[in-house]
Amino acid sequence: MKAAAGVANQLGKPWVLDPTAVEASSFRLKACLELIELKPTVIRGNGSEIIALSMASIGSTKGADSLHESSDAVESAKSLAKSSGSIVAISGSVDFVTDVQRVVGAHNGVPLMQKITVSGCAATALIATFVAIDPEIAKSTRFSPWLALNFYMGNSLNLNHSTIQLVQNFGNIPMVAKPLYGILSDAIFIGGSHRLPCISIGG
């Protein structure tokens, strides 16, 4: 793993560290701390994993499952981001991402994910896919307009999480309505035409 990370750094390629069950053993902790020294672009873990990495110590564990809520690990994530220079993501019922200066939370967690093994690993793979396409994604909000808006609404407008979620839900209405309108225009004539009305509003 260290060899692969070293080659990625030499070639200027981004890479993501997923410290699976790092709190479970000294061996895992030592290996992950050595990998952090190689400057991963992103570190993605659950609450317990991020806390363990930040404190550089092992603790109570449920294997790869977290004993902590993601919100419990926000300060640890900021500390880890500062010491490592990496973007740190915490997955949970609320997902958090921080670069020390900013913290953004996304209320899109699904309780079922906690019952599915390696669902967190799948999230890491998705993050790696994005940063592989554009390494600056990890340091910007271009990959998600909502992420930029979350920063603005939370930091500048001081809106709470529930209000931000409500705004997002309203913003998603057109995305929900468009396919419904498409089905409707396929089924019945609108303005004397099938499909044409949907194509017109779809651009």
N, C-alpha and C. Protein backbone atom coordinates (compact mmCIF):
# COMPACT_ATOMS: atom_id res chain seq x y z
N MET A 1 0.83 -1.20 0.00
CA MET A 1 0.00 0.00 0.00
C MET A 1 0.86 1.25 0.00
N LYS A 2 1.94 1.23 0.79
CA LYS A 2 2.82 2.39 0.84
C LYS A 2 3.52 2.59 -0.51
N ALA A 3 3.87 1.49 -1.16
CA ALA A 3 4.50 1.59 -2.47
C ALA A 3 3.55 2.22 -3.48
N ALA A 4 2.28 1.78 -3.45
CA ALA A 4 1.28 2.33 -4.37
C ALA A 4 1.05 3.81 -4.11
N ALA A 5 0.95 4.19 -2.82
CA ALA A 5 0.76 5.59 -2.47
C ALA A 5 1.96 6.43 -2.90
N GLY A 6 3.17 5.86 -2.74
CA GLY A 6 4.37 6.58 -3.15
C GLY A 6 4.41 6.83 -4.64
N VAL A 7 4.02 5.83 -5.42
CA VAL A 7 3.99 5.99 -6.88
C VAL A 7 2.95 7.03 -7.28
N ALA A 8 1.79 6.99 -6.62
CA ALA A 8 0.74 7.97 -6.91
C ALA A 8 1.25 9.39 -6.65
N ASN A 9 1.96 9.57 -5.55
CA ASN A 9 2.51 10.89 -5.23
C ASN A 9 3.55 11.32 -6.26
N GLN A 10 4.41 10.39 -6.67
CA GLN A 10 5.43 10.71 -7.67
C GLN A 10 4.82 11.15 -8.98
N LEU A 11 3.69 10.54 -9.33
CA LEU A 11 3.02 10.86 -10.60
C LEU A 11 2.01 11.99 -10.46
N GLY A 12 1.88 12.51 -9.24
CA GLY A 12 0.93 13.59 -9.01
C GLY A 12 -0.52 13.15 -9.09
N LYS A 13 -0.77 11.89 -8.75
CA LYS A 13 -2.13 11.35 -8.81
C LYS A 13 -2.78 11.38 -7.43
N PRO A 14 -4.05 11.73 -7.35
CA PRO A 14 -4.74 11.73 -6.05
C PRO A 14 -5.02 10.32 -5.58
N TRP A 15 -5.08 10.14 -4.27
CA TRP A 15 -5.46 8.83 -3.74
C TRP A 15 -6.21 9.02 -2.43
N VAL A 16 -7.00 8.01 -2.08
CA VAL A 16 -7.91 8.11 -0.94
C VAL A 16 -7.58 7.01 0.07
N LEU A 17 -7.52 7.38 1.34
CA LEU A 17 -7.26 6.42 2.40
C LEU A 17 -8.56 6.09 3.13
N ASP A 18 -8.88 4.80 3.22
CA ASP A 18 -10.03 4.32 3.99
C ASP A 18 -9.48 3.48 5.15
N PRO A 19 -9.39 4.04 6.36
CA PRO A 19 -8.77 3.34 7.50
C PRO A 19 -9.71 2.35 8.17
N THR A 20 -10.08 1.31 7.45
CA THR A 20 -11.07 0.35 7.94
C THR A 20 -10.67 -0.26 9.29
N ALA A 21 -11.56 -0.11 10.27
CA ALA A 21 -11.37 -0.69 11.61
C ALA A 21 -10.00 -0.34 12.20
N VAL A 22 -9.54 0.88 11.95
CA VAL A 22 -8.22 1.30 12.43
C VAL A 22 -8.11 1.24 13.95
N GLU A 23 -9.25 1.38 14.63
CA GLU A 23 -9.24 1.39 16.09
C GLU A 23 -9.18 -0.01 16.68
N ALA A 24 -9.19 -1.03 15.82
CA ALA A 24 -9.30 -2.42 16.30
C ALA A 24 -7.97 -3.03 16.73
N SER A 25 -6.84 -2.54 16.18
CA SER A 25 -5.56 -3.16 16.53
C SER A 25 -4.42 -2.17 16.32
N SER A 26 -3.34 -2.39 17.05
CA SER A 26 -2.15 -1.55 16.92
C SER A 26 -1.55 -1.68 15.54
N PHE A 27 -1.63 -2.88 14.96
CA PHE A 27 -1.08 -3.09 13.62
C PHE A 27 -1.79 -2.21 12.60
N ARG A 28 -3.14 -2.20 12.65
CA ARG A 28 -3.91 -1.39 11.72
C ARG A 28 -3.61 0.10 11.92
N LEU A 29 -3.55 0.52 13.19
CA LEU A 29 -3.30 1.93 13.49
C LEU A 29 -1.94 2.35 12.96
N LYS A 30 -0.91 1.56 13.22
CA LYS A 30 0.44 1.89 12.76
C LYS A 30 0.49 1.99 11.24
N ALA A 31 -0.16 1.04 10.55
CA ALA A 31 -0.16 1.05 9.09
C ALA A 31 -0.84 2.30 8.54
N CYS A 32 -1.97 2.67 9.15
CA CYS A 32 -2.71 3.85 8.67
C CYS A 32 -1.95 5.14 8.95
N LEU A 33 -1.31 5.22 10.09
CA LEU A 33 -0.54 6.43 10.41
C LEU A 33 0.65 6.59 9.46
N GLU A 34 1.25 5.48 9.07
CA GLU A 34 2.34 5.53 8.10
C GLU A 34 1.82 5.98 6.73
N LEU A 35 0.62 5.52 6.37
CA LEU A 35 0.03 5.94 5.09
C LEU A 35 -0.33 7.42 5.11
N ILE A 36 -0.78 7.92 6.25
CA ILE A 36 -1.12 9.34 6.35
C ILE A 36 0.10 10.21 6.11
N GLU A 37 1.27 9.72 6.51
CA GLU A 37 2.51 10.47 6.28
C GLU A 37 2.79 10.66 4.79
N LEU A 38 2.16 9.82 3.96
CA LEU A 38 2.33 9.92 2.51
C LEU A 38 1.30 10.85 1.87
N LYS A 39 0.56 11.59 2.70
CA LYS A 39 -0.33 12.66 2.24
C LYS A 39 -1.45 12.20 1.30
N PRO A 40 -2.41 11.42 1.79
CA PRO A 40 -3.57 11.09 0.94
C PRO A 40 -4.36 12.35 0.60
N THR A 41 -5.00 12.34 -0.55
CA THR A 41 -5.82 13.48 -0.94
C THR A 41 -7.04 13.58 -0.04
N VAL A 42 -7.65 12.44 0.22
CA VAL A 42 -8.86 12.38 1.06
C VAL A 42 -8.71 11.22 2.04
N ILE A 43 -9.17 11.44 3.26
CA ILE A 43 -9.29 10.36 4.24
C ILE A 43 -10.78 10.19 4.53
N ARG A 44 -11.32 8.98 4.31
CA ARG A 44 -12.75 8.75 4.52
C ARG A 44 -12.94 7.64 5.53
N GLY A 45 -13.64 7.92 6.61
CA GLY A 45 -13.90 6.90 7.60
C GLY A 45 -15.17 7.16 8.36
N ASN A 46 -15.58 6.20 9.19
CA ASN A 46 -16.73 6.46 10.05
C ASN A 46 -16.27 7.21 11.30
N GLY A 47 -17.19 7.52 12.18
CA GLY A 47 -16.86 8.33 13.35
C GLY A 47 -15.75 7.74 14.19
N SER A 48 -15.84 6.47 14.51
CA SER A 48 -14.84 5.82 15.36
C SER A 48 -13.46 5.78 14.69
N GLU A 49 -13.44 5.55 13.40
CA GLU A 49 -12.16 5.49 12.68
C GLU A 49 -11.47 6.84 12.66
N ILE A 50 -12.24 7.91 12.43
CA ILE A 50 -11.65 9.25 12.38
C ILE A 50 -11.15 9.68 13.75
N ILE A 51 -11.89 9.36 14.79
CA ILE A 51 -11.46 9.69 16.16
C ILE A 51 -10.17 8.95 16.49
N ALA A 52 -10.11 7.67 16.16
CA ALA A 52 -8.91 6.88 16.45
C ALA A 52 -7.69 7.42 15.72
N LEU A 53 -7.85 7.80 14.47
CA LEU A 53 -6.73 8.35 13.71
C LEU A 53 -6.28 9.67 14.28
N SER A 54 -7.24 10.51 14.64
CA SER A 54 -6.91 11.83 15.19
C SER A 54 -6.14 11.71 16.50
N MET A 55 -6.56 10.76 17.34
CA MET A 55 -5.92 10.56 18.64
C MET A 55 -4.72 9.63 18.56
N ALA A 56 -4.55 8.97 17.40
CA ALA A 56 -3.46 8.01 17.20
C ALA A 56 -3.48 6.94 18.29
N SER A 57 -4.68 6.43 18.57
CA SER A 57 -4.80 5.40 19.61
C SER A 57 -5.94 4.46 19.27
N ILE A 58 -5.81 3.22 19.71
CA ILE A 58 -6.88 2.25 19.52
C ILE A 58 -7.87 2.37 20.68
N GLY A 59 -9.04 1.78 20.52
CA GLY A 59 -10.05 1.89 21.57
C GLY A 59 -11.09 0.81 21.45
N SER A 60 -12.23 1.02 22.09
CA SER A 60 -13.33 0.07 21.99
C SER A 60 -13.76 -0.05 20.54
N THR A 61 -14.16 -1.23 20.16
CA THR A 61 -14.47 -1.44 18.75
C THR A 61 -15.61 -2.42 18.56
N LYS A 62 -16.28 -2.25 17.41
CA LYS A 62 -17.30 -3.20 16.97
C LYS A 62 -16.88 -3.71 15.59
N GLY A 63 -15.59 -4.03 15.47
CA GLY A 63 -15.07 -4.42 14.17
C GLY A 63 -15.00 -3.21 13.26
N ALA A 64 -15.59 -3.34 12.06
CA ALA A 64 -15.58 -2.23 11.11
C ALA A 64 -16.72 -1.25 11.36
N ASP A 65 -17.62 -1.56 12.30
CA ASP A 65 -18.75 -0.68 12.59
C ASP A 65 -18.34 0.42 13.57
N SER A 66 -19.04 1.52 13.50
CA SER A 66 -18.70 2.66 14.35
C SER A 66 -19.48 2.64 15.66
N LEU A 67 -18.79 3.00 16.74
CA LEU A 67 -19.44 3.16 18.03
C LEU A 67 -19.84 4.61 18.27
N HIS A 68 -19.48 5.49 17.32
CA HIS A 68 -19.74 6.92 17.46
C HIS A 68 -20.61 7.42 16.32
N GLU A 69 -21.38 8.46 16.61
CA GLU A 69 -22.10 9.16 15.56
C GLU A 69 -21.09 10.00 14.76
N SER A 70 -21.40 10.27 13.53
CA SER A 70 -20.49 11.09 12.72
C SER A 70 -20.28 12.47 13.34
N SER A 71 -21.32 13.01 13.96
CA SER A 71 -21.21 14.34 14.58
C SER A 71 -20.23 14.35 15.74
N ASP A 72 -20.02 13.18 16.38
CA ASP A 72 -19.07 13.09 17.49
C ASP A 72 -17.63 13.28 17.01
N ALA A 73 -17.40 13.09 15.73
CA ALA A 73 -16.04 13.07 15.21
C ALA A 73 -15.65 14.33 14.44
N VAL A 74 -16.51 15.34 14.44
CA VAL A 74 -16.24 16.54 13.63
C VAL A 74 -14.96 17.24 14.07
N GLU A 75 -14.79 17.45 15.38
CA GLU A 75 -13.59 18.13 15.85
C GLU A 75 -12.35 17.28 15.58
N SER A 76 -12.48 15.96 15.72
CA SER A 76 -11.37 15.07 15.41
C SER A 76 -11.02 15.14 13.93
N ALA A 77 -12.04 15.25 13.08
CA ALA A 77 -11.81 15.35 11.64
C ALA A 77 -11.07 16.64 11.30
N LYS A 78 -11.45 17.74 11.94
CA LYS A 78 -10.76 19.00 11.70
C LYS A 78 -9.30 18.92 12.13
N SER A 79 -9.07 18.29 13.29
CA SER A 79 -7.70 18.12 13.78
C SER A 79 -6.89 17.25 12.83
N LEU A 80 -7.51 16.17 12.34
CA LEU A 80 -6.82 15.26 11.42
C LEU A 80 -6.53 15.96 10.09
N ALA A 81 -7.48 16.74 9.61
CA ALA A 81 -7.27 17.48 8.36
C ALA A 81 -6.11 18.46 8.51
N LYS A 82 -6.02 19.09 9.66
CA LYS A 82 -4.94 20.07 9.90
C LYS A 82 -3.58 19.38 9.95
N SER A 83 -3.50 18.25 10.66
CA SER A 83 -2.21 17.58 10.82
C SER A 83 -1.77 16.84 9.57
N SER A 84 -2.73 16.37 8.77
CA SER A 84 -2.39 15.56 7.60
C SER A 84 -2.35 16.35 6.30
N GLY A 85 -3.06 17.48 6.26
CA GLY A 85 -3.17 18.23 5.02
C GLY A 85 -4.16 17.62 4.05
N SER A 86 -4.92 16.65 4.52
CA SER A 86 -5.90 15.96 3.67
C SER A 86 -7.31 16.52 3.89
N ILE A 87 -8.18 16.30 2.92
CA ILE A 87 -9.60 16.50 3.12
C ILE A 87 -10.10 15.30 3.91
N VAL A 88 -10.90 15.52 4.96
CA VAL A 88 -11.39 14.41 5.78
C VAL A 88 -12.90 14.32 5.66
N ALA A 89 -13.38 13.12 5.35
CA ALA A 89 -14.82 12.87 5.23
C ALA A 89 -15.24 11.85 6.27
N ILE A 90 -16.35 12.15 6.97
CA ILE A 90 -16.91 11.23 7.95
C ILE A 90 -18.27 10.77 7.43
N SER A 91 -18.45 9.47 7.34
CA SER A 91 -19.75 8.96 6.88
C SER A 91 -20.58 8.56 8.08
N GLY A 92 -21.89 8.71 7.96
CA GLY A 92 -22.81 8.36 9.03
C GLY A 92 -24.21 8.81 8.69
N SER A 93 -25.06 8.96 9.68
CA SER A 93 -26.42 9.42 9.42
C SER A 93 -26.40 10.82 8.82
N VAL A 94 -25.39 11.61 9.23
CA VAL A 94 -25.07 12.87 8.55
C VAL A 94 -23.63 12.76 8.09
N ASP A 95 -23.37 12.98 6.81
CA ASP A 95 -22.01 12.93 6.30
C ASP A 95 -21.37 14.30 6.47
N PHE A 96 -20.11 14.31 6.93
CA PHE A 96 -19.39 15.57 7.10
C PHE A 96 -18.11 15.54 6.28
N VAL A 97 -17.75 16.71 5.73
CA VAL A 97 -16.49 16.87 5.01
C VAL A 97 -15.83 18.14 5.52
N THR A 98 -14.52 18.08 5.78
CA THR A 98 -13.84 19.27 6.27
C THR A 98 -12.44 19.40 5.69
N ASP A 99 -12.03 20.65 5.50
CA ASP A 99 -10.65 20.95 5.11
C ASP A 99 -10.01 21.85 6.17
N VAL A 100 -10.50 21.78 7.40
CA VAL A 100 -10.11 22.60 8.56
C VAL A 100 -10.85 23.92 8.56
N GLN A 101 -10.76 24.65 7.44
CA GLN A 101 -11.39 25.97 7.38
C GLN A 101 -12.90 25.88 7.33
N ARG A 102 -13.40 24.84 6.70
CA ARG A 102 -14.84 24.70 6.52
C ARG A 102 -15.29 23.30 6.89
N VAL A 103 -16.51 23.21 7.35
CA VAL A 103 -17.15 21.91 7.63
C VAL A 103 -18.52 21.94 6.98
N VAL A 104 -18.82 20.93 6.18
CA VAL A 104 -20.14 20.86 5.56
C VAL A 104 -20.76 19.51 5.91
N GLY A 105 -22.05 19.53 6.23
CA GLY A 105 -22.77 18.30 6.55
C GLY A 105 -23.87 18.05 5.54
N ALA A 106 -24.06 16.82 5.19
CA ALA A 106 -25.11 16.44 4.24
C ALA A 106 -26.03 15.44 4.92
N HIS A 107 -27.30 15.81 5.07
CA HIS A 107 -28.29 14.96 5.73
C HIS A 107 -28.85 13.96 4.73
N ASN A 108 -28.00 13.07 4.25
CA ASN A 108 -28.48 12.10 3.25
C ASN A 108 -28.18 10.67 3.67
N GLY A 109 -27.92 10.46 4.95
CA GLY A 109 -27.62 9.11 5.43
C GLY A 109 -28.83 8.20 5.38
N VAL A 110 -28.58 6.93 5.14
CA VAL A 110 -29.64 5.94 5.08
C VAL A 110 -29.37 4.89 6.17
N PRO A 111 -30.28 4.71 7.13
CA PRO A 111 -30.05 3.75 8.22
C PRO A 111 -29.67 2.35 7.73
N LEU A 112 -30.20 1.95 6.57
CA LEU A 112 -29.92 0.62 6.05
C LEU A 112 -28.43 0.42 5.78
N MET A 113 -27.72 1.51 5.45
CA MET A 113 -26.29 1.39 5.14
C MET A 113 -25.50 0.83 6.31
N GLN A 114 -25.95 1.12 7.53
CA GLN A 114 -25.24 0.62 8.71
C GLN A 114 -25.38 -0.89 8.87
N LYS A 115 -26.30 -1.48 8.14
CA LYS A 115 -26.53 -2.92 8.22
C LYS A 115 -25.90 -3.66 7.05
N ILE A 116 -25.27 -2.92 6.14
CA ILE A 116 -24.69 -3.53 4.95
C ILE A 116 -23.16 -3.45 5.04
N THR A 117 -22.52 -4.58 5.06
CA THR A 117 -21.06 -4.63 5.12
C THR A 117 -20.46 -3.98 3.87
N VAL A 118 -19.38 -3.25 4.07
CA VAL A 118 -18.59 -2.54 3.05
C VAL A 118 -19.33 -1.41 2.34
N SER A 119 -20.47 -0.97 2.87
CA SER A 119 -21.12 0.18 2.24
C SER A 119 -20.24 1.42 2.36
N GLY A 120 -19.49 1.53 3.47
CA GLY A 120 -18.55 2.64 3.62
C GLY A 120 -17.44 2.57 2.59
N CYS A 121 -16.98 1.35 2.31
CA CYS A 121 -15.94 1.16 1.29
C CYS A 121 -16.44 1.61 -0.08
N ALA A 122 -17.73 1.37 -0.33
CA ALA A 122 -18.32 1.81 -1.59
C ALA A 122 -18.30 3.33 -1.68
N ALA A 123 -18.56 4.00 -0.56
CA ALA A 123 -18.51 5.46 -0.53
C ALA A 123 -17.10 5.95 -0.82
N THR A 124 -16.10 5.26 -0.26
CA THR A 124 -14.70 5.62 -0.53
C THR A 124 -14.39 5.46 -2.01
N ALA A 125 -14.86 4.38 -2.62
CA ALA A 125 -14.61 4.15 -4.04
C ALA A 125 -15.24 5.26 -4.88
N LEU A 126 -16.42 5.72 -4.47
CA LEU A 126 -17.08 6.80 -5.20
C LEU A 126 -16.29 8.10 -5.08
N ILE A 127 -15.78 8.39 -3.88
CA ILE A 127 -14.94 9.58 -3.70
C ILE A 127 -13.70 9.48 -4.58
N ALA A 128 -13.07 8.31 -4.60
CA ALA A 128 -11.88 8.11 -5.42
C ALA A 128 -12.18 8.33 -6.90
N THR A 129 -13.37 7.91 -7.32
CA THR A 129 -13.76 8.10 -8.71
C THR A 129 -13.82 9.58 -9.06
N PHE A 130 -14.42 10.36 -8.18
CA PHE A 130 -14.53 11.80 -8.43
C PHE A 130 -13.17 12.47 -8.45
N VAL A 131 -12.32 12.19 -7.47
CA VAL A 131 -11.03 12.88 -7.43
C VAL A 131 -10.10 12.40 -8.54
N ALA A 132 -10.32 11.17 -9.05
CA ALA A 132 -9.53 10.70 -10.19
C ALA A 132 -9.87 11.48 -11.45
N ILE A 133 -11.14 11.84 -11.59
CA ILE A 133 -11.57 12.62 -12.75
C ILE A 133 -11.02 14.03 -12.69
N ASP A 134 -11.07 14.63 -11.51
CA ASP A 134 -10.58 15.99 -11.33
C ASP A 134 -10.03 16.11 -9.90
N PRO A 135 -8.70 16.09 -9.75
CA PRO A 135 -8.11 16.16 -8.41
C PRO A 135 -8.54 17.39 -7.62
N GLU A 136 -8.89 18.47 -8.29
CA GLU A 136 -9.29 19.67 -7.58
C GLU A 136 -10.66 19.54 -6.94
N ILE A 137 -11.38 18.48 -7.29
CA ILE A 137 -12.70 18.25 -6.69
C ILE A 137 -12.58 18.17 -5.18
N ALA A 138 -11.52 17.58 -4.69
CA ALA A 138 -11.36 17.43 -3.24
C ALA A 138 -11.24 18.77 -2.54
N LYS A 139 -10.79 19.79 -3.26
CA LYS A 139 -10.58 21.09 -2.63
C LYS A 139 -11.58 22.13 -3.11
N SER A 140 -12.51 21.72 -3.93
CA SER A 140 -13.48 22.67 -4.45
C SER A 140 -14.88 22.11 -4.30
N THR A 141 -15.85 22.87 -4.79
CA THR A 141 -17.23 22.40 -4.72
C THR A 141 -17.83 22.32 -6.11
N ARG A 142 -16.98 22.20 -7.13
CA ARG A 142 -17.51 22.18 -8.49
C ARG A 142 -18.29 20.92 -8.80
N PHE A 143 -17.97 19.81 -8.11
CA PHE A 143 -18.65 18.56 -8.42
C PHE A 143 -20.06 18.54 -7.87
N SER A 144 -20.41 19.47 -7.01
CA SER A 144 -21.75 19.47 -6.44
C SER A 144 -22.19 20.89 -6.12
N PRO A 145 -23.06 21.47 -6.93
CA PRO A 145 -23.57 22.81 -6.63
C PRO A 145 -24.17 22.89 -5.24
N TRP A 146 -24.81 21.80 -4.79
CA TRP A 146 -25.43 21.82 -3.47
C TRP A 146 -24.40 21.96 -2.37
N LEU A 147 -23.19 21.40 -2.59
CA LEU A 147 -22.16 21.51 -1.57
C LEU A 147 -21.74 22.97 -1.40
N ALA A 148 -21.61 23.68 -2.51
CA ALA A 148 -21.28 25.10 -2.43
C ALA A 148 -22.40 25.87 -1.73
N LEU A 149 -23.63 25.55 -2.07
CA LEU A 149 -24.76 26.22 -1.43
C LEU A 149 -24.84 25.89 0.05
N ASN A 150 -24.48 24.66 0.41
CA ASN A 150 -24.48 24.29 1.82
C ASN A 150 -23.52 25.16 2.61
N PHE A 151 -22.33 25.37 2.06
CA PHE A 151 -21.36 26.24 2.72
C PHE A 151 -21.95 27.64 2.89
N TYR A 152 -22.53 28.16 1.81
CA TYR A 152 -23.05 29.53 1.85
C TYR A 152 -24.21 29.66 2.84
N MET A 153 -25.15 28.71 2.77
CA MET A 153 -26.33 28.81 3.64
C MET A 153 -25.96 28.59 5.11
N GLY A 154 -25.00 27.70 5.36
CA GLY A 154 -24.61 27.43 6.74
C GLY A 154 -23.70 28.49 7.32
N ASN A 155 -22.67 28.89 6.55
CA ASN A 155 -21.65 29.79 7.08
C ASN A 155 -22.02 31.26 6.94
N SER A 156 -22.65 31.63 5.83
CA SER A 156 -22.96 33.03 5.58
C SER A 156 -24.35 33.42 6.05
N LEU A 157 -25.33 32.53 5.81
CA LEU A 157 -26.70 32.84 6.19
C LEU A 157 -27.07 32.28 7.56
N ASN A 158 -26.17 31.46 8.12
CA ASN A 158 -26.38 30.87 9.45
C ASN A 158 -27.69 30.07 9.56
N LEU A 159 -28.01 29.36 8.49
CA LEU A 159 -29.21 28.53 8.52
C LEU A 159 -28.88 27.20 9.20
N ASN A 160 -29.84 26.65 9.93
CA ASN A 160 -29.61 25.36 10.58
C ASN A 160 -29.80 24.23 9.57
N HIS A 161 -29.42 23.01 9.96
CA HIS A 161 -29.42 21.87 9.04
C HIS A 161 -30.82 21.57 8.50
N SER A 162 -31.84 21.67 9.34
CA SER A 162 -33.19 21.34 8.89
C SER A 162 -33.68 22.33 7.84
N THR A 163 -33.32 23.60 8.00
CA THR A 163 -33.71 24.61 7.02
C THR A 163 -32.99 24.39 5.70
N ILE A 164 -31.70 24.05 5.78
CA ILE A 164 -30.93 23.78 4.56
C ILE A 164 -31.53 22.59 3.82
N GLN A 165 -31.94 21.55 4.57
CA GLN A 165 -32.55 20.38 3.94
C GLN A 165 -33.85 20.75 3.25
N LEU A 166 -34.62 21.64 3.87
CA LEU A 166 -35.89 22.08 3.29
C LEU A 166 -35.64 22.82 1.98
N VAL A 167 -34.63 23.68 1.97
CA VAL A 167 -34.28 24.42 0.75
C VAL A 167 -33.88 23.43 -0.36
N GLN A 168 -33.08 22.43 0.00
CA GLN A 168 -32.67 21.43 -0.99
C GLN A 168 -33.87 20.68 -1.55
N ASN A 169 -34.81 20.34 -0.69
CA ASN A 169 -35.99 19.61 -1.15
C ASN A 169 -36.79 20.43 -2.15
N PHE A 170 -36.95 21.73 -1.87
CA PHE A 170 -37.66 22.60 -2.82
C PHE A 170 -36.89 22.69 -4.13
N GLY A 171 -35.56 22.77 -4.03
CA GLY A 171 -34.75 22.88 -5.23
C GLY A 171 -34.80 21.63 -6.10
N ASN A 172 -35.10 20.50 -5.48
CA ASN A 172 -35.17 19.24 -6.23
C ASN A 172 -36.51 19.01 -6.91
N ILE A 173 -37.49 19.84 -6.60
CA ILE A 173 -38.83 19.67 -7.18
C ILE A 173 -38.79 19.63 -8.70
N PRO A 174 -38.08 20.56 -9.38
CA PRO A 174 -38.06 20.49 -10.85
C PRO A 174 -37.48 19.18 -11.39
N MET A 175 -36.47 18.64 -10.69
CA MET A 175 -35.87 17.39 -11.13
C MET A 175 -36.83 16.21 -11.01
N VAL A 176 -37.75 16.31 -10.04
CA VAL A 176 -38.76 15.28 -9.87
C VAL A 176 -39.90 15.49 -10.86
N ALA A 177 -40.26 16.75 -11.08
CA ALA A 177 -41.41 17.07 -11.93
C ALA A 177 -41.14 16.80 -13.40
N LYS A 178 -39.89 17.00 -13.83
CA LYS A 178 -39.58 16.86 -15.25
C LYS A 178 -39.87 15.46 -15.79
N PRO A 179 -39.37 14.38 -15.14
CA PRO A 179 -39.70 13.05 -15.68
C PRO A 179 -41.20 12.73 -15.60
N LEU A 180 -41.87 13.24 -14.57
CA LEU A 180 -43.30 13.03 -14.47
C LEU A 180 -44.02 13.71 -15.63
N TYR A 181 -43.57 14.92 -15.95
CA TYR A 181 -44.15 15.64 -17.09
C TYR A 181 -43.86 14.89 -18.39
N GLY A 182 -42.66 14.26 -18.45
CA GLY A 182 -42.32 13.48 -19.64
C GLY A 182 -43.25 12.29 -19.82
N ILE A 183 -43.54 11.60 -18.73
CA ILE A 183 -44.47 10.46 -18.80
C ILE A 183 -45.85 10.95 -19.21
N LEU A 184 -46.26 12.09 -18.65
CA LEU A 184 -47.57 12.64 -18.99
C LEU A 184 -47.66 13.00 -20.46
N SER A 185 -46.59 13.61 -21.01
CA SER A 185 -46.61 14.03 -22.41
C SER A 185 -46.54 12.83 -23.36
N ASP A 186 -46.02 11.69 -22.85
CA ASP A 186 -46.04 10.47 -23.65
C ASP A 186 -47.44 9.87 -23.70
N ALA A 187 -48.19 10.04 -22.61
CA ALA A 187 -49.47 9.37 -22.47
C ALA A 187 -50.62 10.13 -23.11
N ILE A 188 -50.58 11.46 -23.03
CA ILE A 188 -51.69 12.25 -23.56
C ILE A 188 -51.16 13.38 -24.42
N PHE A 189 -52.02 13.92 -25.26
CA PHE A 189 -51.65 15.06 -26.10
C PHE A 189 -51.62 16.33 -25.26
N ILE A 190 -50.53 17.06 -25.36
CA ILE A 190 -50.44 18.38 -24.72
C ILE A 190 -50.15 19.39 -25.82
N GLY A 191 -51.09 20.30 -26.05
CA GLY A 191 -50.93 21.25 -27.14
C GLY A 191 -50.92 20.56 -28.49
N GLY A 192 -51.59 19.41 -28.55
CA GLY A 192 -51.70 18.69 -29.82
C GLY A 192 -50.51 17.82 -30.15
N SER A 193 -49.59 17.65 -29.21
CA SER A 193 -48.38 16.88 -29.50
C SER A 193 -48.05 15.90 -28.38
N HIS A 194 -47.39 14.80 -28.78
CA HIS A 194 -46.76 13.91 -27.83
C HIS A 194 -45.29 14.28 -27.73
N ARG A 195 -44.70 14.20 -26.55
CA ARG A 195 -43.26 14.34 -26.31
C ARG A 195 -42.70 15.74 -26.60
N LEU A 196 -43.17 16.40 -27.59
CA LEU A 196 -42.64 17.71 -27.93
C LEU A 196 -42.67 18.68 -26.75
N PRO A 197 -43.75 18.74 -25.98
CA PRO A 197 -43.76 19.66 -24.82
C PRO A 197 -42.65 19.34 -23.82
N CYS A 198 -42.38 18.06 -23.58
CA CYS A 198 -41.32 17.67 -22.64
C CYS A 198 -39.96 18.04 -23.19
N ILE A 199 -39.74 17.80 -24.50
CA ILE A 199 -38.46 18.15 -25.12
C ILE A 199 -38.25 19.66 -25.05
N SER A 200 -39.31 20.40 -25.21
CA SER A 200 -39.20 21.87 -25.19
C SER A 200 -38.73 22.39 -23.85
N ILE A 201 -39.28 21.86 -22.75
CA ILE A 201 -38.89 22.36 -21.44
C ILE A 201 -37.58 21.72 -20.96
N GLY A 202 -37.23 20.57 -21.55
CA GLY A 202 -36.00 19.89 -21.14
C GLY A 202 -34.75 20.53 -21.71
N GLY A 203 -34.90 21.32 -22.75
CA GLY A 203 -33.71 21.94 -23.35
C GLY A 203 -33.01 20.93 -24.22
